[in-house]
Amino acid sequence: MTKTVYIKTVGCQMNVLDSEMVIADLKRHGYRVVETPAEADLLLYNTCSIREQAEEKTYSALGKLRDTKARHPDKKIGVLGCMAQKDQEVIFRRAPFVDMVVGPGQLHALPQLITNIDSGEGRQMAVSLSRTDGKQAVVARSHETFDPLRDPSQRPTPFQAYLRIQIGCDKFCTYCVVPNTRGPEQGRSPAEILAEARTLADQGCREITLLGQTVNSYRHRSDDGDTDLAALLEQLHEIDGIQRLKFVTNYPKDMTERLLTTVRDLPKCSPYLHVPAQSGSDEVLKRMKRGYTIAQYMEMFERIESILPEAAVSSDFIVGFCGETDEDFQKSVKLIERCRFKNSFIFQYSVRGGTKAAERLEDDVPREVKAARNNELLAVQDRISKEDNEKLIGSTVEVLVEGPSKKADTSDPDAAVVQMTGRTHCDRIVVFDGNRRQAGQMLDIHVDQVSSHTLIGRVRTVELVSIGL
């Protein structure tokens, strides 16, 4: 009988990609994907540790499986990803019915772990070495990846895919668990990346987003020389079938003139740059150990404005970080107002075990203050996003159509008209009335209305002019 697997993914694009790889591997071992836990022989939870809320949601979801496991002891439950690497044995203590704990650098071991359980070897754990368990090269080798496995059915759309070019991070921001959960920074070889990109193109993918914790820090050294992100983009640009190239997430100090001019000069490179600021206050940035000042961030931003004046720039902000005063917070407000980001992802600070902030800094901003600052900063960003989107009313934008929108009425699969959604070259979301056959196409959409986060339009049609003969 075919074995069945259910997977729930939370967190960043890296986790989405990891889940695609896991499912591709399990399908090779005879598994079929199902949509609900009740149908599954194997239940997997691919987790995130960036914020406390994400972890608690996972533990809550696991708690709901206690009775299921008691009724069906043959069902296997696995916790994957960053929370697995961070918490390890803690997961077994909090959820003793879990069968497997597998870190993001050991996902390739999953089929063998399942075999071990079937052989009566009991609970299984596969995690990478910690940063203090040996020399960096040894630790790095324990954070493995199996990226060439691809499964189009597990992507958000068949026409868009993530491609990992970098593993891990060496920035060590005081609030962040990623250097511990994903290990030392490593750039994958250009040959591997290009081969994977060609596979994606052959599968019908039209847009590739390159992934790295600080993707513009990418560098691969070999006997043939060094390859940086700009050089990699130039090589990827030559692949037939790929029409758009994006890359996230960027580190401000590594946003070089060479990279920006490369994006400007290569038509397939999207003029969209996600460059987290995290705070508008030098004092807060210093406590975060971000490695730059606001003056340096603005130098970078002005370089973008000069070389790529049409670029859409987005950012991340953490409010309520240790010691953040009202004055510090207002500097974040001013930074958003000055830079006028396309959008910003705004989060309330939460203590993460194992980080320097947890060890050395006091989480001294009250929860209600964090919430108020979060709402205020969101309101500022939403206002700016809507004002800038309004400038696009009456224009025509090229959209890669992804499929029916989240709000579309999909109850009638034969409906002639469905609300469709897609994204512009600058990563703006667009909705319009269309049909399912348009998914995967590039369409010109005339913008009629906007909100803070969405452009609303209609397919631009060619007007036929009758002439006398």
Protein backbone atom coordinates (compact mmCIF):
# COMPACT_ATOMS: atom_id res chain seq x y z
CA MET A 1 0.00 0.00 0.00
CA THR A 2 1.14 3.56 -0.73
CA LYS A 3 2.30 5.42 2.36
CA THR A 4 0.90 8.90 2.94
CA VAL A 5 2.52 12.06 4.30
CA TYR A 6 1.11 15.36 5.57
CA ILE A 7 3.44 18.34 5.98
CA LYS A 8 2.77 21.68 7.66
CA THR A 9 5.27 24.44 6.94
CA VAL A 10 5.69 27.70 8.84
CA GLY A 11 8.31 30.42 8.61
CA CYS A 12 10.51 31.79 5.86
CA GLN A 13 11.09 30.95 2.20
CA MET A 14 13.95 28.66 3.29
CA ASN A 15 11.41 26.46 5.07
CA VAL A 16 9.11 26.42 2.04
CA LEU A 17 12.04 25.24 -0.06
CA ASP A 18 13.09 22.67 2.57
CA SER A 19 9.58 21.21 2.56
CA GLU A 20 9.66 20.91 -1.23
CA MET A 21 12.91 18.94 -0.95
CA VAL A 22 11.58 16.70 1.83
CA ILE A 23 8.47 15.81 -0.16
CA ALA A 24 10.48 15.18 -3.33
CA ASP A 25 12.69 12.76 -1.37
CA LEU A 26 9.77 11.00 0.32
CA LYS A 27 7.97 10.55 -3.01
CA ARG A 28 11.04 8.67 -4.22
CA HIS A 29 10.53 6.39 -1.24
CA GLY A 30 6.91 5.64 -2.08
CA TYR A 31 4.98 8.35 -0.23
CA ARG A 32 1.94 10.23 -1.46
CA VAL A 33 1.05 13.70 -0.14
CA VAL A 34 -2.32 14.19 1.58
CA GLU A 35 -4.06 17.35 2.69
CA THR A 36 -5.06 16.52 6.28
CA PRO A 37 -3.35 14.91 9.29
CA ALA A 38 -6.17 12.36 9.58
CA GLU A 39 -5.24 10.84 6.19
CA ALA A 40 -1.52 10.60 6.89
CA ASP A 41 0.74 7.77 8.00
CA LEU A 42 3.54 10.32 8.49
CA LEU A 43 2.89 13.80 9.93
CA LEU A 44 5.67 16.38 9.55
CA TYR A 45 5.89 19.88 11.02
CA ASN A 46 8.58 22.07 9.46
CA THR A 47 9.16 24.74 12.08
CA CYS A 48 10.47 28.25 12.66
CA SER A 49 12.29 29.68 15.68
CA ILE A 50 12.58 33.33 14.70
CA ARG A 51 9.72 34.34 17.02
CA GLU A 52 8.31 32.81 20.17
CA GLN A 53 4.78 32.86 18.74
CA ALA A 54 5.79 30.57 15.89
CA GLU A 55 7.24 28.03 18.32
CA GLU A 56 4.20 28.08 20.60
CA LYS A 57 1.89 27.53 17.62
CA THR A 58 3.89 24.42 16.74
CA TYR A 59 3.71 23.07 20.29
CA SER A 60 -0.03 23.77 20.28
CA ALA A 61 -0.46 21.87 17.00
CA LEU A 62 1.56 18.98 18.39
CA GLY A 63 -0.55 18.91 21.54
CA LYS A 64 -3.64 18.28 19.44
CA LEU A 65 -2.02 15.11 18.12
CA ARG A 66 -1.62 13.46 21.52
CA ASP A 67 -4.93 11.63 21.34
CA THR A 68 -4.42 10.82 17.64
CA LYS A 69 -1.12 9.13 18.44
CA ALA A 70 -2.73 7.20 21.32
CA ARG A 71 -5.46 5.88 18.99
CA HIS A 72 -3.09 5.26 16.07
CA PRO A 73 0.36 4.41 17.46
CA ASP A 74 1.62 3.42 13.99
CA LYS A 75 1.33 7.02 12.79
CA LYS A 76 4.73 8.72 12.87
CA ILE A 77 5.17 12.37 13.90
CA GLY A 78 8.25 14.38 12.99
CA VAL A 79 9.38 17.89 13.95
CA LEU A 80 11.72 19.39 11.37
CA GLY A 81 13.54 22.67 10.87
CA CYS A 82 14.96 25.41 13.03
CA MET A 83 12.96 24.63 16.16
CA ALA A 84 14.15 21.04 15.96
CA GLN A 85 17.79 22.16 15.78
CA LYS A 86 17.33 24.68 18.59
CA ASP A 87 15.20 22.69 21.07
CA GLN A 88 16.29 19.10 20.32
CA GLU A 89 15.52 16.97 23.43
CA VAL A 90 13.15 19.68 24.72
CA ILE A 91 10.68 18.67 22.02
CA PHE A 92 10.63 15.08 23.25
CA ARG A 93 10.05 16.30 26.81
CA ARG A 94 7.21 18.64 25.85
CA ALA A 95 5.70 16.25 23.29
CA PRO A 96 6.85 12.70 24.21
CA PHE A 97 4.69 11.17 21.47
CA VAL A 98 6.87 12.76 18.75
CA ASP A 99 8.93 10.14 16.89
CA MET A 100 11.57 12.25 15.12
CA VAL A 101 13.40 15.54 15.62
CA VAL A 102 15.35 16.62 12.52
CA GLY A 103 17.31 19.85 12.07
CA PRO A 104 17.38 21.74 8.74
CA GLY A 105 20.91 20.53 7.99
CA GLN A 106 19.93 16.86 8.39
CA LEU A 107 16.72 16.62 6.37
CA HIS A 108 18.38 14.23 3.93
CA ALA A 109 18.43 11.65 6.76
CA LEU A 110 14.65 11.52 7.12
CA PRO A 111 13.99 8.31 5.09
CA GLN A 112 16.65 6.43 7.08
CA LEU A 113 15.22 7.69 10.37
CA ILE A 114 11.80 6.34 9.35
CA THR A 115 13.40 2.98 8.54
CA ASN A 116 15.08 2.98 11.96
CA ILE A 117 11.74 3.51 13.69
CA ASP A 118 10.12 0.76 11.63
CA SER A 119 12.97 -1.51 12.76
CA GLY A 120 12.11 -0.92 16.38
CA GLU A 121 14.95 1.46 17.21
CA GLY A 122 12.65 3.96 18.96
CA ARG A 123 12.66 7.74 18.73
CA GLN A 124 15.16 9.30 16.35
CA MET A 125 17.07 12.57 16.35
CA ALA A 126 19.29 14.04 13.63
CA VAL A 127 20.70 17.49 14.27
CA SER A 128 23.79 19.36 13.09
CA LEU A 129 26.78 20.23 15.26
CA SER A 130 26.56 23.44 17.26
CA ARG A 131 28.95 26.31 16.52
CA THR A 132 31.12 25.28 19.50
CA ASP A 133 31.36 21.57 18.68
CA GLY A 134 34.41 21.81 16.45
CA LYS A 135 36.24 23.76 13.78
CA GLN A 136 34.06 25.81 11.45
CA ALA A 137 34.74 23.52 8.47
CA VAL A 138 33.61 20.48 10.49
CA VAL A 139 30.50 22.26 11.77
CA ALA A 140 29.72 23.49 8.25
CA ARG A 141 29.82 19.94 6.86
CA SER A 142 27.20 18.88 9.39
CA HIS A 143 24.76 21.43 7.88
CA GLU A 144 24.12 19.58 4.64
CA THR A 145 21.67 20.37 1.88
CA PHE A 146 20.02 18.26 -0.82
CA ASP A 147 18.72 21.06 -2.99
CA PRO A 148 18.77 19.38 -6.42
CA LEU A 149 15.66 17.39 -5.40
CA ARG A 150 12.72 19.36 -6.81
CA ASP A 151 8.95 18.80 -6.70
CA PRO A 152 6.85 21.35 -8.64
CA SER A 153 3.66 20.19 -6.92
CA GLN A 154 4.92 21.53 -3.58
CA ARG A 155 5.61 25.06 -4.78
CA PRO A 156 3.18 27.95 -4.29
CA THR A 157 2.86 27.97 -8.10
CA PRO A 158 4.43 25.78 -10.82
CA PHE A 159 5.87 28.89 -12.48
CA GLN A 160 7.85 30.30 -9.54
CA ALA A 161 10.54 28.60 -7.49
CA TYR A 162 13.06 29.26 -4.76
CA LEU A 163 16.69 28.37 -5.35
CA ARG A 164 19.08 28.28 -2.41
CA ILE A 165 22.51 29.74 -3.17
CA GLN A 166 23.73 30.16 0.40
CA ILE A 167 23.46 28.19 3.63
CA GLY A 168 23.79 29.62 7.13
CA CYS A 169 24.87 33.01 8.44
CA ASP A 170 27.91 34.52 10.14
CA LYS A 171 26.46 37.92 11.08
CA PHE A 172 25.43 36.93 14.65
CA CYS A 173 22.84 39.65 15.27
CA THR A 174 22.12 39.50 18.99
CA TYR A 175 18.39 38.74 18.56
CA CYS A 176 18.70 36.00 15.93
CA VAL A 177 18.89 32.20 16.22
CA VAL A 178 19.73 31.52 12.56
CA PRO A 179 23.56 31.29 12.92
CA ASN A 180 22.95 28.52 15.45
CA THR A 181 20.09 26.71 13.72
CA ARG A 182 21.43 26.87 10.15
CA GLY A 183 25.16 26.98 10.85
CA PRO A 184 28.11 28.79 9.25
CA GLU A 185 27.69 30.79 6.06
CA GLN A 186 28.43 28.71 2.97
CA GLY A 187 28.00 29.61 -0.69
CA ARG A 188 26.93 26.74 -2.93
CA SER A 189 28.97 26.17 -6.07
CA PRO A 190 27.85 28.05 -9.21
CA ALA A 191 27.84 24.76 -11.14
CA GLU A 192 25.28 23.25 -8.75
CA ILE A 193 23.15 26.38 -8.79
CA LEU A 194 23.15 26.66 -12.60
CA ALA A 195 22.29 22.97 -13.02
CA GLU A 196 19.38 23.36 -10.61
CA ALA A 197 18.18 26.51 -12.38
CA ARG A 198 18.18 24.66 -15.71
CA THR A 199 16.11 21.88 -14.12
CA LEU A 200 13.62 24.49 -12.91
CA ALA A 201 13.44 26.04 -16.37
CA ASP A 202 12.82 22.60 -17.90
CA GLN A 203 9.97 22.14 -15.39
CA GLY A 204 8.30 25.30 -16.70
CA CYS A 205 9.49 27.73 -14.04
CA ARG A 206 9.57 31.33 -15.26
CA GLU A 207 10.63 33.16 -12.11
CA ILE A 208 13.42 32.13 -9.72
CA THR A 209 14.06 33.73 -6.33
CA LEU A 210 17.58 33.14 -5.04
CA LEU A 211 17.67 32.51 -1.30
CA GLY A 212 20.29 33.24 1.33
CA GLN A 213 20.20 34.54 4.89
CA THR A 214 22.26 37.47 3.58
CA VAL A 215 22.03 36.62 -0.09
CA ASN A 216 24.10 39.54 -1.39
CA SER A 217 27.00 38.31 0.76
CA TYR A 218 27.15 35.23 -1.49
CA ARG A 219 30.64 34.20 -2.50
CA HIS A 220 32.04 30.92 -3.73
CA ARG A 221 35.78 30.39 -3.92
CA SER A 222 37.36 27.76 -6.14
CA ASP A 223 40.52 27.16 -8.16
CA ASP A 224 38.78 28.90 -11.05
CA GLY A 225 38.36 32.09 -9.01
CA ASP A 226 35.72 33.78 -6.87
CA THR A 227 32.07 34.09 -7.84
CA ASP A 228 29.92 36.77 -6.20
CA LEU A 229 26.18 37.37 -6.56
CA ALA A 230 26.63 39.75 -9.51
CA ALA A 231 28.64 37.16 -11.45
CA LEU A 232 26.11 34.45 -10.58
CA LEU A 233 23.23 36.61 -11.84
CA GLU A 234 25.06 37.15 -15.13
CA GLN A 235 25.31 33.37 -15.60
CA LEU A 236 21.72 32.67 -14.59
CA HIS A 237 20.51 35.40 -16.95
CA GLU A 238 21.60 33.28 -19.94
CA ILE A 239 19.26 30.36 -19.12
CA ASP A 240 16.43 30.09 -21.64
CA GLY A 241 12.93 29.97 -20.16
CA ILE A 242 13.73 31.93 -17.00
CA GLN A 243 12.20 35.40 -17.36
CA ARG A 244 12.64 36.88 -13.90
CA LEU A 245 15.39 36.69 -11.28
CA LYS A 246 14.91 37.91 -7.70
CA PHE A 247 17.04 37.51 -4.58
CA VAL A 248 16.36 37.80 -0.85
CA THR A 249 17.31 38.71 1.87
CA ASN A 250 20.01 41.38 1.53
CA TYR A 251 22.48 42.77 4.05
CA PRO A 252 22.88 46.57 3.84
CA LYS A 253 26.69 46.71 3.92
CA ASP A 254 26.98 44.22 1.05
CA MET A 255 24.73 46.13 -1.38
CA THR A 256 27.59 47.06 -3.70
CA GLU A 257 27.62 49.34 -6.72
CA ARG A 258 28.65 46.35 -8.87
CA LEU A 259 25.59 44.37 -7.77
CA LEU A 260 23.22 47.27 -8.37
CA THR A 261 24.59 48.00 -11.84
CA THR A 262 24.27 44.31 -12.67
CA VAL A 263 20.59 44.37 -11.68
CA ARG A 264 20.14 47.54 -13.74
CA ASP A 265 21.81 46.10 -16.84
CA LEU A 266 20.21 42.63 -16.87
CA PRO A 267 16.56 42.80 -18.00
CA LYS A 268 15.59 39.57 -16.22
CA CYS A 269 16.74 40.90 -12.82
CA SER A 270 13.79 42.35 -10.93
CA PRO A 271 14.31 45.88 -9.60
CA TYR A 272 13.09 44.71 -6.20
CA LEU A 273 15.42 44.76 -3.19
CA HIS A 274 14.57 43.56 0.30
CA VAL A 275 17.10 45.23 2.62
CA PRO A 276 16.17 44.99 6.32
CA ALA A 277 17.00 48.02 8.46
CA GLN A 278 15.56 46.57 11.72
CA SER A 279 15.71 49.97 13.49
CA GLY A 280 16.19 53.66 12.76
CA SER A 281 18.30 54.19 15.89
CA ASP A 282 22.08 53.79 15.98
CA GLU A 283 21.90 52.89 19.66
CA VAL A 284 19.46 50.06 19.02
CA LEU A 285 21.41 48.85 15.97
CA LYS A 286 24.54 48.67 18.11
CA ARG A 287 22.77 46.53 20.72
CA MET A 288 21.43 44.38 17.88
CA LYS A 289 25.00 44.03 16.53
CA ARG A 290 23.79 44.82 13.04
CA GLY A 291 27.19 46.14 11.95
CA TYR A 292 26.12 49.45 10.38
CA THR A 293 24.84 52.88 11.35
CA ILE A 294 21.84 54.72 9.94
CA ALA A 295 24.23 56.99 8.05
CA GLN A 296 25.72 53.92 6.37
CA TYR A 297 22.26 52.52 5.65
CA MET A 298 21.31 55.81 4.01
CA GLU A 299 24.51 55.80 1.93
CA MET A 300 23.41 52.39 0.66
CA PHE A 301 19.86 53.57 0.06
CA GLU A 302 21.01 56.65 -1.86
CA ARG A 303 23.23 54.38 -3.98
CA ILE A 304 20.11 52.39 -4.88
CA GLU A 305 18.22 55.60 -5.71
CA SER A 306 21.07 56.74 -7.96
CA ILE A 307 21.66 53.50 -9.86
CA LEU A 308 18.15 51.99 -9.77
CA PRO A 309 15.77 54.94 -9.38
CA GLU A 310 12.73 52.78 -10.26
CA ALA A 311 13.57 50.06 -7.74
CA ALA A 312 11.07 48.99 -5.11
CA VAL A 313 12.79 48.55 -1.75
CA SER A 314 11.25 46.73 1.20
CA SER A 315 12.50 46.35 4.75
CA ASP A 316 12.17 44.61 8.13
CA PHE A 317 11.77 46.31 11.51
CA ILE A 318 11.81 44.99 15.06
CA VAL A 319 9.97 47.15 17.59
CA GLY A 320 10.48 46.98 21.33
CA PHE A 321 14.02 45.62 21.24
CA CYS A 322 15.93 45.75 24.52
CA GLY A 323 16.36 49.33 25.71
CA GLU A 324 14.35 50.91 22.86
CA THR A 325 13.09 54.33 24.00
CA ASP A 326 10.30 56.44 22.51
CA GLU A 327 13.02 58.53 20.85
CA ASP A 328 14.61 55.41 19.34
CA PHE A 329 11.23 54.30 18.02
CA GLN A 330 10.50 57.68 16.43
CA LYS A 331 13.77 57.34 14.52
CA SER A 332 12.36 54.17 12.96
CA VAL A 333 9.24 56.12 11.98
CA LYS A 334 11.42 58.79 10.37
CA LEU A 335 13.46 56.19 8.49
CA ILE A 336 10.33 54.68 6.94
CA GLU A 337 9.10 58.17 6.02
CA ARG A 338 12.43 59.04 4.41
CA CYS A 339 12.94 55.78 2.50
CA ARG A 340 9.28 55.22 1.61
CA PHE A 341 9.68 51.45 1.46
CA LYS A 342 7.34 49.50 -0.81
CA ASN A 343 6.41 47.55 2.28
CA SER A 344 7.94 46.62 5.64
CA PHE A 345 7.65 43.46 7.69
CA ILE A 346 7.25 44.68 11.27
CA PHE A 347 7.62 42.43 14.31
CA GLN A 348 7.56 42.80 18.08
CA TYR A 349 10.76 41.65 19.73
CA SER A 350 10.58 38.34 21.57
CA VAL A 351 13.44 36.76 23.51
CA ARG A 352 15.05 33.80 21.73
CA GLY A 353 16.95 31.31 23.85
CA GLY A 354 20.59 30.86 22.89
CA THR A 355 21.01 34.40 21.50
CA LYS A 356 23.32 37.05 22.93
CA ALA A 357 20.33 39.31 23.59
CA ALA A 358 18.79 36.64 25.78
CA GLU A 359 22.06 36.23 27.69
CA ARG A 360 23.17 39.83 28.05
CA LEU A 361 20.28 42.25 27.53
CA GLU A 362 17.08 42.89 29.47
CA ASP A 363 13.77 42.58 27.65
CA ASP A 364 12.59 45.80 29.30
CA VAL A 365 9.98 47.19 26.88
CA PRO A 366 6.48 46.35 28.16
CA ARG A 367 4.35 44.14 25.95
CA GLU A 368 1.64 46.79 25.55
CA VAL A 369 4.27 49.33 24.43
CA LYS A 370 5.59 46.87 21.85
CA ALA A 371 2.07 46.34 20.54
CA ALA A 372 1.39 50.08 20.31
CA ARG A 373 4.65 50.74 18.47
CA ASN A 374 3.98 47.83 16.14
CA ASN A 375 0.57 49.25 15.21
CA GLU A 376 1.91 52.79 14.78
CA LEU A 377 4.74 51.71 12.50
CA LEU A 378 2.37 49.54 10.45
CA ALA A 379 0.03 52.50 10.04
CA VAL A 380 2.88 54.72 8.81
CA GLN A 381 4.06 52.10 6.35
CA ASP A 382 0.52 51.36 5.10
CA ARG A 383 -0.09 55.06 4.46
CA ILE A 384 3.13 55.39 2.48
CA SER A 385 2.50 52.18 0.54
CA LYS A 386 -0.96 53.37 -0.48
CA GLU A 387 0.27 56.85 -1.45
CA ASP A 388 2.96 55.37 -3.69
CA ASN A 389 0.61 52.77 -5.16
CA GLU A 390 -1.85 55.56 -6.04
CA LYS A 391 0.79 57.00 -8.37
CA LEU A 392 0.39 53.85 -10.48
CA ILE A 393 -3.33 54.37 -11.15
CA GLY A 394 -3.81 54.70 -14.89
CA SER A 395 -0.53 52.97 -15.72
CA THR A 396 0.05 49.54 -17.25
CA VAL A 397 2.15 46.94 -15.42
CA GLU A 398 3.45 43.59 -16.62
CA VAL A 399 2.26 40.78 -14.36
CA LEU A 400 3.33 37.16 -14.02
CA VAL A 401 -0.03 35.50 -13.32
CA GLU A 402 0.12 33.09 -10.37
CA GLY A 403 -3.47 31.79 -10.27
CA PRO A 404 -6.78 32.55 -8.54
CA SER A 405 -6.49 35.08 -5.72
CA LYS A 406 -7.02 34.13 -2.08
CA LYS A 407 -10.43 35.84 -2.18
CA ALA A 408 -11.51 34.32 -5.48
CA ASP A 409 -14.70 32.27 -5.62
CA THR A 410 -13.34 28.91 -6.75
CA SER A 411 -16.49 26.90 -6.03
CA ASP A 412 -17.24 26.59 -9.76
CA PRO A 413 -14.19 25.11 -11.55
CA ASP A 414 -15.82 25.90 -14.92
CA ALA A 415 -16.47 29.58 -14.19
CA ALA A 416 -15.59 31.77 -17.16
CA VAL A 417 -14.37 34.66 -14.96
CA VAL A 418 -12.28 34.30 -11.80
CA GLN A 419 -10.39 36.88 -9.78
CA MET A 420 -6.75 36.17 -10.61
CA THR A 421 -3.57 37.39 -8.97
CA GLY A 422 0.06 37.92 -9.93
CA ARG A 423 3.10 40.07 -9.30
CA THR A 424 4.88 42.83 -11.14
CA HIS A 425 8.63 42.92 -11.83
CA CYS A 426 8.88 45.05 -8.66
CA ASP A 427 7.01 42.39 -6.64
CA ARG A 428 3.76 44.34 -6.28
CA ILE A 429 0.65 42.18 -5.93
CA VAL A 430 -1.98 42.69 -8.65
CA VAL A 431 -5.54 41.29 -8.83
CA PHE A 432 -7.82 41.35 -11.85
CA ASP A 433 -10.77 39.50 -13.39
CA GLY A 434 -9.51 36.78 -15.69
CA ASN A 435 -9.51 32.99 -16.09
CA ARG A 436 -7.47 30.04 -14.89
CA ARG A 437 -5.85 29.52 -18.31
CA GLN A 438 -3.91 32.73 -17.77
CA ALA A 439 -1.85 31.23 -14.92
CA GLY A 440 1.83 31.28 -15.85
CA GLN A 441 1.40 33.97 -18.51
CA MET A 442 2.87 37.45 -18.60
CA LEU A 443 -0.01 39.91 -19.00
CA ASP A 444 -0.26 43.67 -19.23
CA ILE A 445 -2.68 44.92 -16.58
CA HIS A 446 -4.15 48.42 -16.54
CA VAL A 447 -4.27 49.69 -12.92
CA ASP A 448 -7.66 51.15 -11.94
CA GLN A 449 -7.61 51.09 -8.12
CA VAL A 450 -5.13 50.41 -5.32
CA SER A 451 -4.88 49.61 -1.63
CA SER A 452 -1.81 49.64 0.59
CA HIS A 453 -0.83 46.15 -0.50
CA THR A 454 -2.57 45.50 -3.81
CA LEU A 455 -3.04 46.94 -7.28
CA ILE A 456 -6.49 46.28 -8.78
CA GLY A 457 -6.86 46.35 -12.54
CA ARG A 458 -8.01 44.74 -15.77
CA VAL A 459 -6.31 42.98 -18.63
CA ARG A 460 -5.21 45.50 -21.19
CA THR A 461 -6.67 44.73 -24.59
CA VAL A 462 -5.38 45.90 -27.95
CA GLU A 463 -7.72 48.41 -29.51
CA LEU A 464 -8.35 47.61 -33.17
CA VAL A 465 -8.62 50.62 -35.46
CA SER A 466 -10.70 50.20 -38.62
CA ILE A 467 -9.17 51.76 -41.68
CA GLY A 468 -10.64 52.14 -45.13
CA LEU A 469 -9.21 50.11 -47.99
